[in-house]
Amino acid sequence: GKLGISVEPLTPQLRSQFGLPPGRQGVLVDEVDPIGPAARAGIGRGDLIEQINRQPVRSATEVRTALERSGNRPALLLINRRGQSVFVTVTTRP
């Protein structure tokens, strides 16, 4: 898609495997296209996408919808990586 990633719902097993804190919600990055926009922005497998453009996301459908609302503008993602939250701006592909 626009980010060059695939995501999956966050399960208790995945939360434990990737060291994510309890209470955080979002979608887990499962695969990253090594030449895609997300990889260029530093997003990797195991990152938890909590928000896109300040809107919570909990499914692949919500990710697509949030990115469509961005149009051609860069998307602002709130990522949780092993308990650390960081905002990342990604210029999506058409």
PDB file of N, CA and C in Angstrom:
ATOM      1  N   GLY A   1       0.798  -1.191   0.000  1.00  0.00           N
ATOM      2  CA  GLY A   1       0.000   0.000   0.000  1.00  0.00           C
ATOM      3  C   GLY A   1       0.844   1.260   0.000  1.00  0.00           C
ATOM      4  N   LYS A   2       0.271   2.318   0.475  1.00  0.00           N
ATOM      5  CA  LYS A   2       0.919   3.629   0.445  1.00  0.00           C
ATOM      6  C   LYS A   2       2.182   3.709   1.297  1.00  0.00           C
ATOM      7  N   LEU A   3       2.267   2.864   2.335  1.00  0.00           N
ATOM      8  CA  LEU A   3       3.429   2.897   3.226  1.00  0.00           C
ATOM      9  C   LEU A   3       4.461   1.825   2.893  1.00  0.00           C
ATOM     10  N   GLY A   4       4.032   0.786   2.188  1.00  0.00           N
ATOM     11  CA  GLY A   4       4.947  -0.317   1.911  1.00  0.00           C
ATOM     12  C   GLY A   4       5.105  -1.238   3.104  1.00  0.00           C
ATOM     13  N   ILE A   5       4.003  -1.464   3.827  1.00  0.00           N
ATOM     14  CA  ILE A   5       4.031  -2.360   4.985  1.00  0.00           C
ATOM     15  C   ILE A   5       2.802  -3.253   4.972  1.00  0.00           C
ATOM     16  N   SER A   6       2.873  -4.328   5.742  1.00  0.00           N
ATOM     17  CA  SER A   6       1.667  -5.080   6.092  1.00  0.00           C
ATOM     18  C   SER A   6       1.569  -5.063   7.608  1.00  0.00           C
ATOM     19  N   VAL A   7       0.333  -5.042   8.095  1.00  0.00           N
ATOM     20  CA  VAL A   7       0.102  -4.952   9.541  1.00  0.00           C
ATOM     21  C   VAL A   7      -0.814  -6.074   9.983  1.00  0.00           C
ATOM     22  N   GLU A   8      -0.778  -6.358  11.284  1.00  0.00           N
ATOM     23  CA  GLU A   8      -1.667  -7.361  11.864  1.00  0.00           C
ATOM     24  C   GLU A   8      -2.163  -6.850  13.210  1.00  0.00           C
ATOM     25  N   PRO A   9      -3.312  -7.372  13.651  1.00  0.00           N
ATOM     26  CA  PRO A   9      -3.835  -6.959  14.956  1.00  0.00           C
ATOM     27  C   PRO A   9      -2.864  -7.336  16.070  1.00  0.00           C
ATOM     28  N   LEU A  10      -2.859  -6.544  17.120  1.00  0.00           N
ATOM     29  CA  LEU A  10      -1.993  -6.787  18.268  1.00  0.00           C
ATOM     30  C   LEU A  10      -2.630  -7.830  19.175  1.00  0.00           C
ATOM     31  N   THR A  11      -1.930  -8.939  19.388  1.00  0.00           N
ATOM     32  CA  THR A  11      -2.393  -9.995  20.294  1.00  0.00           C
ATOM     33  C   THR A  11      -1.516  -9.990  21.544  1.00  0.00           C
ATOM     34  N   PRO A  12      -1.976 -10.628  22.620  1.00  0.00           N
ATOM     35  CA  PRO A  12      -1.131 -10.707  23.823  1.00  0.00           C
ATOM     36  C   PRO A  12       0.225 -11.366  23.547  1.00  0.00           C
ATOM     37  N   GLN A  13       0.255 -12.377  22.681  1.00  0.00           N
ATOM     38  CA  GLN A  13       1.512 -13.045  22.357  1.00  0.00           C
ATOM     39  C   GLN A  13       2.465 -12.100  21.640  1.00  0.00           C
ATOM     40  N   LEU A  14       1.954 -11.344  20.669  1.00  0.00           N
ATOM     41  CA  LEU A  14       2.799 -10.396  19.932  1.00  0.00           C
ATOM     42  C   LEU A  14       3.261  -9.261  20.845  1.00  0.00           C
ATOM     43  N   ARG A  15       2.380  -8.817  21.731  1.00  0.00           N
ATOM     44  CA  ARG A  15       2.743  -7.754  22.690  1.00  0.00           C
ATOM     45  C   ARG A  15       3.960  -8.203  23.504  1.00  0.00           C
ATOM     46  N   SER A  16       3.917  -9.440  23.986  1.00  0.00           N
ATOM     47  CA  SER A  16       5.021  -9.979  24.780  1.00  0.00           C
ATOM     48  C   SER A  16       6.278 -10.172  23.927  1.00  0.00           C
ATOM     49  N   GLN A  17       6.112 -10.719  22.731  1.00  0.00           N
ATOM     50  CA  GLN A  17       7.247 -10.994  21.849  1.00  0.00           C
ATOM     51  C   GLN A  17       8.029  -9.731  21.509  1.00  0.00           C
ATOM     52  N   PHE A  18       7.314  -8.609  21.292  1.00  0.00           N
ATOM     53  CA  PHE A  18       7.978  -7.381  20.873  1.00  0.00           C
ATOM     54  C   PHE A  18       8.176  -6.379  22.007  1.00  0.00           C
ATOM     55  N   GLY A  19       7.892  -6.802  23.238  1.00  0.00           N
ATOM     56  CA  GLY A  19       8.167  -5.959  24.399  1.00  0.00           C
ATOM     57  C   GLY A  19       7.332  -4.698  24.457  1.00  0.00           C
ATOM     58  N   LEU A  20       6.068  -4.808  24.060  1.00  0.00           N
ATOM     59  CA  LEU A  20       5.189  -3.642  24.071  1.00  0.00           C
ATOM     60  C   LEU A  20       4.426  -3.579  25.390  1.00  0.00           C
ATOM     61  N   PRO A  21       4.272  -2.366  25.941  1.00  0.00           N
ATOM     62  CA  PRO A  21       3.629  -2.238  27.254  1.00  0.00           C
ATOM     63  C   PRO A  21       2.135  -2.529  27.199  1.00  0.00           C
ATOM     64  N   PRO A  22       1.579  -3.023  28.321  1.00  0.00           N
ATOM     65  CA  PRO A  22       0.135  -3.238  28.394  1.00  0.00           C
ATOM     66  C   PRO A  22      -0.615  -1.921  28.240  1.00  0.00           C
ATOM     67  N   GLY A  23      -1.815  -2.014  27.747  1.00  0.00           N
ATOM     68  CA  GLY A  23      -2.649  -0.821  27.628  1.00  0.00           C
ATOM     69  C   GLY A  23      -2.483  -0.070  26.321  1.00  0.00           C
ATOM     70  N   ARG A  24      -1.459  -0.361  25.553  1.00  0.00           N
ATOM     71  CA  ARG A  24      -1.261   0.308  24.267  1.00  0.00           C
ATOM     72  C   ARG A  24      -2.066  -0.432  23.215  1.00  0.00           C
ATOM     73  N   GLN A  25      -2.662   0.308  22.290  1.00  0.00           N
ATOM     74  CA  GLN A  25      -3.474  -0.273  21.227  1.00  0.00           C
ATOM     75  C   GLN A  25      -2.932   0.178  19.876  1.00  0.00           C
ATOM     76  N   GLY A  26      -3.184  -0.618  18.858  1.00  0.00           N
ATOM     77  CA  GLY A  26      -2.749  -0.261  17.518  1.00  0.00           C
ATOM     78  C   GLY A  26      -2.615  -1.496  16.657  1.00  0.00           C
ATOM     79  N   VAL A  27      -1.863  -1.363  15.568  1.00  0.00           N
ATOM     80  CA  VAL A  27      -1.586  -2.484  14.674  1.00  0.00           C
ATOM     81  C   VAL A  27      -0.084  -2.694  14.627  1.00  0.00           C
ATOM     82  N   LEU A  28       0.309  -3.952  14.565  1.00  0.00           N
ATOM     83  CA  LEU A  28       1.716  -4.310  14.572  1.00  0.00           C
ATOM     84  C   LEU A  28       2.224  -4.431  13.139  1.00  0.00           C
ATOM     85  N   VAL A  29       3.377  -3.829  12.875  1.00  0.00           N
ATOM     86  CA  VAL A  29       3.992  -3.937  11.555  1.00  0.00           C
ATOM     87  C   VAL A  29       4.559  -5.345  11.430  1.00  0.00           C
ATOM     88  N   ASP A  30       4.064  -6.079  10.424  1.00  0.00           N
ATOM     89  CA  ASP A  30       4.468  -7.465  10.215  1.00  0.00           C
ATOM     90  C   ASP A  30       5.571  -7.571   9.163  1.00  0.00           C
ATOM     91  N   GLU A  31       5.432  -6.835   8.070  1.00  0.00           N
ATOM     92  CA  GLU A  31       6.420  -6.847   6.990  1.00  0.00           C
ATOM     93  C   GLU A  31       6.644  -5.420   6.505  1.00  0.00           C
ATOM     94  N   VAL A  32       7.867  -5.164   6.052  1.00  0.00           N
ATOM     95  CA  VAL A  32       8.226  -3.840   5.537  1.00  0.00           C
ATOM     96  C   VAL A  32       8.921  -4.008   4.193  1.00  0.00           C
ATOM     97  N   ASP A  33       8.427  -3.311   3.179  1.00  0.00           N
ATOM     98  CA  ASP A  33       9.097  -3.276   1.873  1.00  0.00           C
ATOM     99  C   ASP A  33      10.397  -2.508   2.067  1.00  0.00           C
ATOM    100  N   PRO A  34      11.561  -3.153   1.827  1.00  0.00           N
ATOM    101  CA  PRO A  34      12.841  -2.496   2.119  1.00  0.00           C
ATOM    102  C   PRO A  34      13.097  -1.221   1.312  1.00  0.00           C
ATOM    103  N   ILE A  35      12.367  -1.012   0.226  1.00  0.00           N
ATOM    104  CA  ILE A  35      12.552   0.226  -0.542  1.00  0.00           C
ATOM    105  C   ILE A  35      11.309   1.119  -0.484  1.00  0.00           C
ATOM    106  N   GLY A  36      10.382   0.795   0.435  1.00  0.00           N
ATOM    107  CA  GLY A  36       9.149   1.568   0.555  1.00  0.00           C
ATOM    108  C   GLY A  36       9.296   2.782   1.455  1.00  0.00           C
ATOM    109  N   PRO A  37       8.264   3.619   1.479  1.00  0.00           N
ATOM    110  CA  PRO A  37       8.289   4.844   2.296  1.00  0.00           C
ATOM    111  C   PRO A  37       8.480   4.587   3.786  1.00  0.00           C
ATOM    112  N   ALA A  38       7.853   3.534   4.320  1.00  0.00           N
ATOM    113  CA  ALA A  38       7.988   3.258   5.762  1.00  0.00           C
ATOM    114  C   ALA A  38       9.426   2.903   6.121  1.00  0.00           C
ATOM    115  N   ALA A  39      10.069   2.090   5.290  1.00  0.00           N
ATOM    116  CA  ALA A  39      11.467   1.721   5.551  1.00  0.00           C
ATOM    117  C   ALA A  39      12.360   2.948   5.514  1.00  0.00           C
ATOM    118  N   ARG A  40      12.116   3.847   4.560  1.00  0.00           N
ATOM    119  CA  ARG A  40      12.918   5.081   4.479  1.00  0.00           C
ATOM    120  C   ARG A  40      12.725   5.949   5.719  1.00  0.00           C
ATOM    121  N   ALA A  41      11.543   5.848   6.353  1.00  0.00           N
ATOM    122  CA  ALA A  41      11.255   6.640   7.551  1.00  0.00           C
ATOM    123  C   ALA A  41      11.742   5.941   8.825  1.00  0.00           C
ATOM    124  N   GLY A  42      12.286   4.726   8.692  1.00  0.00           N
ATOM    125  CA  GLY A  42      12.815   4.031   9.848  1.00  0.00           C
ATOM    126  C   GLY A  42      11.842   3.103  10.547  1.00  0.00           C
ATOM    127  N   ILE A  43      10.679   2.853   9.956  1.00  0.00           N
ATOM    128  CA  ILE A  43       9.700   1.949  10.553  1.00  0.00           C
ATOM    129  C   ILE A  43      10.124   0.515  10.260  1.00  0.00           C
ATOM    130  N   GLY A  44      10.030  -0.340  11.277  1.00  0.00           N
ATOM    131  CA  GLY A  44      10.468  -1.718  11.113  1.00  0.00           C
ATOM    132  C   GLY A  44       9.469  -2.721  11.644  1.00  0.00           C
ATOM    133  N   ARG A  45       9.743  -3.987  11.351  1.00  0.00           N
ATOM    134  CA  ARG A  45       8.900  -5.078  11.833  1.00  0.00           C
ATOM    135  C   ARG A  45       8.867  -5.027  13.360  1.00  0.00           C
ATOM    136  N   GLY A  46       7.671  -5.191  13.923  1.00  0.00           N
ATOM    137  CA  GLY A  46       7.517  -5.167  15.367  1.00  0.00           C
ATOM    138  C   GLY A  46       7.141  -3.811  15.925  1.00  0.00           C
ATOM    139  N   ASP A  47       7.190  -2.767  15.088  1.00  0.00           N
ATOM    140  CA  ASP A  47       6.728  -1.449  15.543  1.00  0.00           C
ATOM    141  C   ASP A  47       5.205  -1.469  15.650  1.00  0.00           C
ATOM    142  N   LEU A  48       4.679  -0.805  16.661  1.00  0.00           N
ATOM    143  CA  LEU A  48       3.242  -0.697  16.858  1.00  0.00           C
ATOM    144  C   LEU A  48       2.793   0.680  16.370  1.00  0.00           C
ATOM    145  N   ILE A  49       1.927   0.694  15.369  1.00  0.00           N
ATOM    146  CA  ILE A  49       1.361   1.960  14.892  1.00  0.00           C
ATOM    147  C   ILE A  49       0.116   2.216  15.729  1.00  0.00           C
ATOM    148  N   GLU A  50       0.167   3.264  16.545  1.00  0.00           N
ATOM    149  CA  GLU A  50      -0.952   3.593  17.420  1.00  0.00           C
ATOM    150  C   GLU A  50      -1.904   4.607  16.780  1.00  0.00           C
ATOM    151  N   GLN A  51      -1.331   5.549  16.029  1.00  0.00           N
ATOM    152  CA  GLN A  51      -2.147   6.605  15.416  1.00  0.00           C
ATOM    153  C   GLN A  51      -1.585   6.957  14.049  1.00  0.00           C
ATOM    154  N   ILE A  52      -2.482   7.408  13.184  1.00  0.00           N
ATOM    155  CA  ILE A  52      -2.085   8.018  11.914  1.00  0.00           C
ATOM    156  C   ILE A  52      -2.817   9.339  11.833  1.00  0.00           C
ATOM    157  N   ASN A  53      -2.065  10.409  11.694  1.00  0.00           N
ATOM    158  CA  ASN A  53      -2.629  11.768  11.667  1.00  0.00           C
ATOM    159  C   ASN A  53      -3.527  12.014  12.879  1.00  0.00           C
ATOM    160  N   ARG A  54      -3.020  11.577  14.030  1.00  0.00           N
ATOM    161  CA  ARG A  54      -3.658  11.767  15.339  1.00  0.00           C
ATOM    162  C   ARG A  54      -4.984  11.023  15.494  1.00  0.00           C
ATOM    163  N   GLN A  55      -5.249  10.055  14.609  1.00  0.00           N
ATOM    164  CA  GLN A  55      -6.435   9.208  14.719  1.00  0.00           C
ATOM    165  C   GLN A  55      -5.996   7.801  15.121  1.00  0.00           C
ATOM    166  N   PRO A  56      -6.585   7.231  16.179  1.00  0.00           N
ATOM    167  CA  PRO A  56      -6.212   5.867  16.579  1.00  0.00           C
ATOM    168  C   PRO A  56      -6.509   4.876  15.462  1.00  0.00           C
ATOM    169  N   VAL A  57      -5.641   3.886  15.296  1.00  0.00           N
ATOM    170  CA  VAL A  57      -5.864   2.815  14.320  1.00  0.00           C
ATOM    171  C   VAL A  57      -5.718   1.471  15.030  1.00  0.00           C
ATOM    172  N   ARG A  58      -6.648   0.561  14.724  1.00  0.00           N
ATOM    173  CA  ARG A  58      -6.622  -0.762  15.354  1.00  0.00           C
ATOM    174  C   ARG A  58      -6.829  -1.885  14.348  1.00  0.00           C
ATOM    175  N   SER A  59      -6.872  -1.540  13.051  1.00  0.00           N
ATOM    176  CA  SER A  59      -7.045  -2.567  12.021  1.00  0.00           C
ATOM    177  C   SER A  59      -6.418  -2.069  10.721  1.00  0.00           C
ATOM    178  N   ALA A  60      -6.182  -3.012   9.814  1.00  0.00           N
ATOM    179  CA  ALA A  60      -5.635  -2.642   8.500  1.00  0.00           C
ATOM    180  C   ALA A  60      -6.595  -1.704   7.768  1.00  0.00           C
ATOM    181  N   THR A  61      -7.888  -1.911   7.951  1.00  0.00           N
ATOM    182  CA  THR A  61      -8.888  -1.045   7.310  1.00  0.00           C
ATOM    183  C   THR A  61      -8.782   0.378   7.835  1.00  0.00           C
ATOM    184  N   GLU A  62      -8.608   0.545   9.140  1.00  0.00           N
ATOM    185  CA  GLU A  62      -8.464   1.888   9.718  1.00  0.00           C
ATOM    186  C   GLU A  62      -7.175   2.551   9.236  1.00  0.00           C
ATOM    187  N   VAL A  63      -6.108   1.757   9.035  1.00  0.00           N
ATOM    188  CA  VAL A  63      -4.861   2.305   8.496  1.00  0.00           C
ATOM    189  C   VAL A  63      -5.108   2.838   7.086  1.00  0.00           C
ATOM    190  N   ARG A  64      -5.745   2.029   6.239  1.00  0.00           N
ATOM    191  CA  ARG A  64      -6.031   2.468   4.855  1.00  0.00           C
ATOM    192  C   ARG A  64      -6.879   3.732   4.840  1.00  0.00           C
ATOM    193  N   THR A  65      -7.928   3.756   5.667  1.00  0.00           N
ATOM    194  CA  THR A  65      -8.822   4.916   5.719  1.00  0.00           C
ATOM    195  C   THR A  65      -8.068   6.172   6.138  1.00  0.00           C
ATOM    196  N   ALA A  66      -7.250   6.059   7.173  1.00  0.00           N
ATOM    197  CA  ALA A  66      -6.483   7.216   7.663  1.00  0.00           C
ATOM    198  C   ALA A  66      -5.523   7.718   6.590  1.00  0.00           C
ATOM    199  N   LEU A  67      -4.897   6.798   5.849  1.00  0.00           N
ATOM    200  CA  LEU A  67      -3.960   7.204   4.802  1.00  0.00           C
ATOM    201  C   LEU A  67      -4.688   7.842   3.625  1.00  0.00           C
ATOM    202  N   GLU A  68      -5.867   7.349   3.300  1.00  0.00           N
ATOM    203  CA  GLU A  68      -6.654   7.954   2.218  1.00  0.00           C
ATOM    204  C   GLU A  68      -7.021   9.386   2.565  1.00  0.00           C
ATOM    205  N   ARG A  69      -7.325   9.631   3.839  1.00  0.00           N
ATOM    206  CA  ARG A  69      -7.664  10.998   4.276  1.00  0.00           C
ATOM    207  C   ARG A  69      -6.474  11.942   4.136  1.00  0.00           C
ATOM    208  N   SER A  70      -5.265  11.410   4.167  1.00  0.00           N
ATOM    209  CA  SER A  70      -4.064  12.238   4.024  1.00  0.00           C
ATOM    210  C   SER A  70      -3.912  12.789   2.616  1.00  0.00           C
ATOM    211  N   GLY A  71      -4.505  12.074   1.645  1.00  0.00           N
ATOM    212  CA  GLY A  71      -4.327  12.486   0.254  1.00  0.00           C
ATOM    213  C   GLY A  71      -2.859  12.381  -0.124  1.00  0.00           C
ATOM    214  N   ASN A  72      -2.317  13.453  -0.694  1.00  0.00           N
ATOM    215  CA  ASN A  72      -0.913  13.471  -1.110  1.00  0.00           C
ATOM    216  C   ASN A  72       0.007  14.062  -0.050  1.00  0.00           C
ATOM    217  N   ARG A  73      -0.561  14.432   1.097  1.00  0.00           N
ATOM    218  CA  ARG A  73       0.260  15.002   2.178  1.00  0.00           C
ATOM    219  C   ARG A  73       0.966  13.886   2.938  1.00  0.00           C
ATOM    220  N   PRO A  74       2.127  14.178   3.532  1.00  0.00           N
ATOM    221  CA  PRO A  74       2.789  13.179   4.375  1.00  0.00           C
ATOM    222  C   PRO A  74       1.893  12.798   5.552  1.00  0.00           C
ATOM    223  N   ALA A  75       2.034  11.568   6.006  1.00  0.00           N
ATOM    224  CA  ALA A  75       1.249  11.067   7.138  1.00  0.00           C
ATOM    225  C   ALA A  75       2.095  11.129   8.410  1.00  0.00           C
ATOM    226  N   LEU A  76       1.464  11.508   9.516  1.00  0.00           N
ATOM    227  CA  LEU A  76       2.123  11.544  10.815  1.00  0.00           C
ATOM    228  C   LEU A  76       1.707  10.295  11.586  1.00  0.00           C
ATOM    229  N   LEU A  77       2.674   9.440  11.895  1.00  0.00           N
ATOM    230  CA  LEU A  77       2.399   8.193  12.596  1.00  0.00           C
ATOM    231  C   LEU A  77       2.963   8.247  14.007  1.00  0.00           C
ATOM    232  N   LEU A  78       2.162   7.787  14.964  1.00  0.00           N
ATOM    233  CA  LEU A  78       2.654   7.593  16.323  1.00  0.00           C
ATOM    234  C   LEU A  78       3.024   6.122  16.438  1.00  0.00           C
ATOM    235  N   ILE A  79       4.308   5.872  16.640  1.00  0.00           N
ATOM    236  CA  ILE A  79       4.854   4.518  16.682  1.00  0.00           C
ATOM    237  C   ILE A  79       5.307   4.210  18.108  1.00  0.00           C
ATOM    238  N   ASN A  80       5.039   3.001  18.565  1.00  0.00           N
ATOM    239  CA  ASN A  80       5.582   2.541  19.834  1.00  0.00           C
ATOM    240  C   ASN A  80       6.547   1.409  19.515  1.00  0.00           C
ATOM    241  N   ARG A  81       7.803   1.610  19.865  1.00  0.00           N
ATOM    242  CA  ARG A  81       8.861   0.633  19.597  1.00  0.00           C
ATOM    243  C   ARG A  81       9.438   0.183  20.925  1.00  0.00           C
ATOM    244  N   ARG A  82       9.085  -1.034  21.331  1.00  0.00           N
ATOM    245  CA  ARG A  82       9.577  -1.615  22.586  1.00  0.00           C
ATOM    246  C   ARG A  82       9.360  -0.683  23.779  1.00  0.00           C
ATOM    247  N   GLY A  83       8.171  -0.058  23.821  1.00  0.00           N
ATOM    248  CA  GLY A  83       7.820   0.775  24.960  1.00  0.00           C
ATOM    249  C   GLY A  83       8.126   2.252  24.801  1.00  0.00           C
ATOM    250  N   GLN A  84       8.844   2.624  23.748  1.00  0.00           N
ATOM    251  CA  GLN A  84       9.178   4.031  23.504  1.00  0.00           C
ATOM    252  C   GLN A  84       8.288   4.581  22.388  1.00  0.00           C
ATOM    253  N   SER A  85       7.619   5.696  22.641  1.00  0.00           N
ATOM    254  CA  SER A  85       6.750   6.306  21.637  1.00  0.00           C
ATOM    255  C   SER A  85       7.503   7.384  20.874  1.00  0.00           C
ATOM    256  N   VAL A  86       7.268   7.429  19.567  1.00  0.00           N
ATOM    257  CA  VAL A  86       7.908   8.415  18.720  1.00  0.00           C
ATOM    258  C   VAL A  86       6.970   8.754  17.562  1.00  0.00           C
ATOM    259  N   PHE A  87       6.952  10.024  17.175  1.00  0.00           N
ATOM    260  CA  PHE A  87       6.216  10.437  15.982  1.00  0.00           C
ATOM    261  C   PHE A  87       7.133  10.333  14.777  1.00  0.00           C
ATOM    262  N   VAL A  88       6.605   9.801  13.689  1.00  0.00           N
ATOM    263  CA  VAL A  88       7.360   9.648  12.449  1.00  0.00           C
ATOM    264  C   VAL A  88       6.503  10.203  11.308  1.00  0.00           C
ATOM    265  N   THR A  89       7.109  11.009  10.458  1.00  0.00           N
ATOM    266  CA  THR A  89       6.420  11.519   9.275  1.00  0.00           C
ATOM    267  C   THR A  89       6.835  10.677   8.084  1.00  0.00           C
ATOM    268  N   VAL A  90       5.832  10.195   7.335  1.00  0.00           N
ATOM    269  CA  VAL A  90       6.088   9.347   6.184  1.00  0.00           C
ATOM    270  C   VAL A  90       5.445   9.967   4.957  1.00  0.00           C
ATOM    271  N   THR A  91       6.246  10.157   3.911  1.00  0.00           N
ATOM    272  CA  THR A  91       5.689  10.599   2.637  1.00  0.00           C
ATOM    273  C   THR A  91       5.211   9.347   1.909  1.00  0.00           C
ATOM    274  N   THR A  92       3.899   9.238   1.776  1.00  0.00           N
ATOM    275  CA  THR A  92       3.310   8.036   1.186  1.00  0.00           C
ATOM    276  C   THR A  92       3.464   8.035  -0.326  1.00  0.00           C
ATOM    277  N   ARG A  93       3.367   6.824  -0.888  1.00  0.00           N
ATOM    278  CA  ARG A  93       3.401   6.737  -2.346  1.00  0.00           C
ATOM    279  C   ARG A  93       1.970   6.740  -2.864  1.00  0.00           C
ATOM    280  N   PRO A  94       1.791   7.196  -4.094  1.00  0.00           N
ATOM    281  CA  PRO A  94       0.425   7.289  -4.649  1.00  0.00           C
ATOM    282  C   PRO A  94      -0.258   5.951  -4.776  1.00  0.00           C
TER     283      PRO A  94
END
